[in-house]
Amino acid sequence: MASETAAETAAKPARHQRQELTGKVTSAKMEKTIVVKVTRLVKHKLYTRVMRVSKKFYAHDEQREARLGDTVRIVETRPMSKLKRWRLAEVITRSTRVN
């Protein structure tokens, strides 16, 4: 069963597309973990006013490349701890802030 034929590979269901989010790093003080704040625009149901809704996500950063204030892309992954279900995909823009 180690080697698969082309027919067996084609018959397997494809993995689902992993969810991707973009946000700003609000904390990079933990070991290999960053906190990313993702802000999205939502229309209020009653007043139809557009509001900003933000949420924090804990993401795994293996190489510790993200810093405070960076804009990053995170990807959904398997649970790594109680709160970590995301991992860092890439740093989109670097913060101009000096740490």
C-alpha atoms as a PDB file:
ATOM      1  CA  MET A   1       0.000   0.000   0.000  1.00  0.00           C
ATOM      2  CA  ALA A   2       3.043   2.267   0.109  1.00  0.00           C
ATOM      3  CA  SER A   3       2.864   3.208  -3.560  1.00  0.00           C
ATOM      4  CA  GLU A   4      -0.444   4.369  -5.016  1.00  0.00           C
ATOM      5  CA  THR A   5      -1.553   4.170  -8.595  1.00  0.00           C
ATOM      6  CA  ALA A   6      -2.941   7.139 -10.510  1.00  0.00           C
ATOM      7  CA  ALA A   7      -6.487   5.747 -10.281  1.00  0.00           C
ATOM      8  CA  GLU A   8      -6.295   5.456  -6.478  1.00  0.00           C
ATOM      9  CA  THR A   9      -4.953   8.997  -6.158  1.00  0.00           C
ATOM     10  CA  ALA A  10      -7.732  10.378  -8.366  1.00  0.00           C
ATOM     11  CA  ALA A  11     -10.403   8.498  -6.373  1.00  0.00           C
ATOM     12  CA  LYS A  12      -9.384  10.087  -3.054  1.00  0.00           C
ATOM     13  CA  PRO A  13     -11.394  13.104  -1.973  1.00  0.00           C
ATOM     14  CA  ALA A  14      -9.409  16.330  -2.121  1.00  0.00           C
ATOM     15  CA  ARG A  15      -8.590  18.164   1.104  1.00  0.00           C
ATOM     16  CA  HIS A  16     -10.783  21.172   1.769  1.00  0.00           C
ATOM     17  CA  GLN A  17      -9.442  24.645   1.134  1.00  0.00           C
ATOM     18  CA  ARG A  18      -7.963  26.011   4.346  1.00  0.00           C
ATOM     19  CA  GLN A  19      -9.375  29.274   5.616  1.00  0.00           C
ATOM     20  CA  GLU A  20      -7.041  32.280   5.383  1.00  0.00           C
ATOM     21  CA  LEU A  21      -7.247  35.545   7.310  1.00  0.00           C
ATOM     22  CA  THR A  22      -5.260  38.779   7.248  1.00  0.00           C
ATOM     23  CA  GLY A  23      -4.641  40.894  10.323  1.00  0.00           C
ATOM     24  CA  LYS A  24      -2.188  42.824  12.485  1.00  0.00           C
ATOM     25  CA  VAL A  25       0.102  41.305  15.110  1.00  0.00           C
ATOM     26  CA  THR A  26      -0.848  42.673  18.541  1.00  0.00           C
ATOM     27  CA  SER A  27       1.549  40.525  20.588  1.00  0.00           C
ATOM     28  CA  ALA A  28       4.701  38.552  19.779  1.00  0.00           C
ATOM     29  CA  LYS A  29       5.996  38.035  23.319  1.00  0.00           C
ATOM     30  CA  MET A  30       5.247  34.306  23.620  1.00  0.00           C
ATOM     31  CA  GLU A  31       7.510  31.503  22.443  1.00  0.00           C
ATOM     32  CA  LYS A  32       6.552  30.645  18.825  1.00  0.00           C
ATOM     33  CA  THR A  33       3.083  32.171  19.259  1.00  0.00           C
ATOM     34  CA  ILE A  34       1.665  35.446  17.981  1.00  0.00           C
ATOM     35  CA  VAL A  35      -1.677  37.124  18.598  1.00  0.00           C
ATOM     36  CA  VAL A  36      -3.306  38.455  15.429  1.00  0.00           C
ATOM     37  CA  LYS A  37      -6.196  40.930  15.457  1.00  0.00           C
ATOM     38  CA  VAL A  38      -8.462  40.467  12.438  1.00  0.00           C
ATOM     39  CA  THR A  39     -10.881  43.319  11.711  1.00  0.00           C
ATOM     40  CA  ARG A  40     -13.816  42.930   9.351  1.00  0.00           C
ATOM     41  CA  LEU A  41     -16.685  45.166   8.272  1.00  0.00           C
ATOM     42  CA  VAL A  42     -20.199  43.962   9.157  1.00  0.00           C
ATOM     43  CA  LYS A  43     -23.515  45.581   8.407  1.00  0.00           C
ATOM     44  CA  HIS A  44     -25.760  46.002  11.467  1.00  0.00           C
ATOM     45  CA  LYS A  45     -28.977  43.990  11.042  1.00  0.00           C
ATOM     46  CA  LEU A  46     -31.360  46.634  12.347  1.00  0.00           C
ATOM     47  CA  TYR A  47     -29.656  49.937  11.607  1.00  0.00           C
ATOM     48  CA  THR A  48     -27.831  48.886   8.392  1.00  0.00           C
ATOM     49  CA  ARG A  49     -24.792  50.816   9.582  1.00  0.00           C
ATOM     50  CA  VAL A  50     -21.387  49.330   8.708  1.00  0.00           C
ATOM     51  CA  MET A  51     -19.436  48.473  11.850  1.00  0.00           C
ATOM     52  CA  ARG A  52     -15.904  47.265  12.493  1.00  0.00           C
ATOM     53  CA  VAL A  53     -15.815  43.940  14.313  1.00  0.00           C
ATOM     54  CA  SER A  54     -12.467  42.573  15.462  1.00  0.00           C
ATOM     55  CA  LYS A  55     -11.378  39.234  16.855  1.00  0.00           C
ATOM     56  CA  LYS A  56      -8.093  37.875  18.241  1.00  0.00           C
ATOM     57  CA  PHE A  57      -6.518  34.682  16.911  1.00  0.00           C
ATOM     58  CA  TYR A  58      -3.529  32.833  18.354  1.00  0.00           C
ATOM     59  CA  ALA A  59      -1.193  31.641  15.597  1.00  0.00           C
ATOM     60  CA  HIS A  60       1.908  29.432  15.529  1.00  0.00           C
ATOM     61  CA  ASP A  61       5.081  31.211  14.370  1.00  0.00           C
ATOM     62  CA  GLU A  62       7.833  28.570  14.189  1.00  0.00           C
ATOM     63  CA  GLN A  63      10.710  30.845  13.090  1.00  0.00           C
ATOM     64  CA  ARG A  64       9.512  33.820  15.205  1.00  0.00           C
ATOM     65  CA  GLU A  65       9.621  36.090  12.149  1.00  0.00           C
ATOM     66  CA  ALA A  66       6.521  38.206  12.919  1.00  0.00           C
ATOM     67  CA  ARG A  67       6.896  41.299  15.077  1.00  0.00           C
ATOM     68  CA  LEU A  68       4.496  43.674  16.795  1.00  0.00           C
ATOM     69  CA  GLY A  69       2.554  45.762  14.255  1.00  0.00           C
ATOM     70  CA  ASP A  70       3.252  43.553  11.215  1.00  0.00           C
ATOM     71  CA  THR A  71       0.422  42.729   8.822  1.00  0.00           C
ATOM     72  CA  VAL A  72       0.323  38.946   8.407  1.00  0.00           C
ATOM     73  CA  ARG A  73      -1.636  36.186   6.693  1.00  0.00           C
ATOM     74  CA  ILE A  74      -2.634  33.230   8.878  1.00  0.00           C
ATOM     75  CA  VAL A  75      -3.931  29.829   7.758  1.00  0.00           C
ATOM     76  CA  GLU A  76      -6.245  27.423   9.541  1.00  0.00           C
ATOM     77  CA  THR A  77      -4.490  24.304  10.844  1.00  0.00           C
ATOM     78  CA  ARG A  78      -4.875  21.443  13.305  1.00  0.00           C
ATOM     79  CA  PRO A  79      -5.226  22.341  16.997  1.00  0.00           C
ATOM     80  CA  MET A  80      -1.747  22.920  18.469  1.00  0.00           C
ATOM     81  CA  SER A  81      -2.851  23.920  21.966  1.00  0.00           C
ATOM     82  CA  LYS A  82      -5.937  25.063  23.851  1.00  0.00           C
ATOM     83  CA  LEU A  83      -6.160  28.307  21.870  1.00  0.00           C
ATOM     84  CA  LYS A  84      -3.878  27.863  18.824  1.00  0.00           C
ATOM     85  CA  ARG A  85      -5.671  26.691  15.676  1.00  0.00           C
ATOM     86  CA  TRP A  86      -3.855  28.901  13.158  1.00  0.00           C
ATOM     87  CA  ARG A  87      -0.325  29.179  11.805  1.00  0.00           C
ATOM     88  CA  LEU A  88       1.588  32.017  10.210  1.00  0.00           C
ATOM     89  CA  ALA A  89       1.628  31.757   6.405  1.00  0.00           C
ATOM     90  CA  GLU A  90       3.527  34.937   5.546  1.00  0.00           C
ATOM     91  CA  VAL A  91       4.387  38.430   6.703  1.00  0.00           C
ATOM     92  CA  ILE A  92       2.722  40.775   4.228  1.00  0.00           C
ATOM     93  CA  THR A  93       4.108  44.105   5.448  1.00  0.00           C
ATOM     94  CA  ARG A  94       6.639  44.911   8.132  1.00  0.00           C
ATOM     95  CA  SER A  95       5.943  47.426  10.869  1.00  0.00           C
ATOM     96  CA  THR A  96       7.909  50.661  10.691  1.00  0.00           C
ATOM     97  CA  ARG A  97       7.880  50.768  14.491  1.00  0.00           C
ATOM     98  CA  VAL A  98      11.246  50.353  16.201  1.00  0.00           C
ATOM     99  CA  ASN A  99      11.201  47.806  19.038  1.00  0.00           C
END
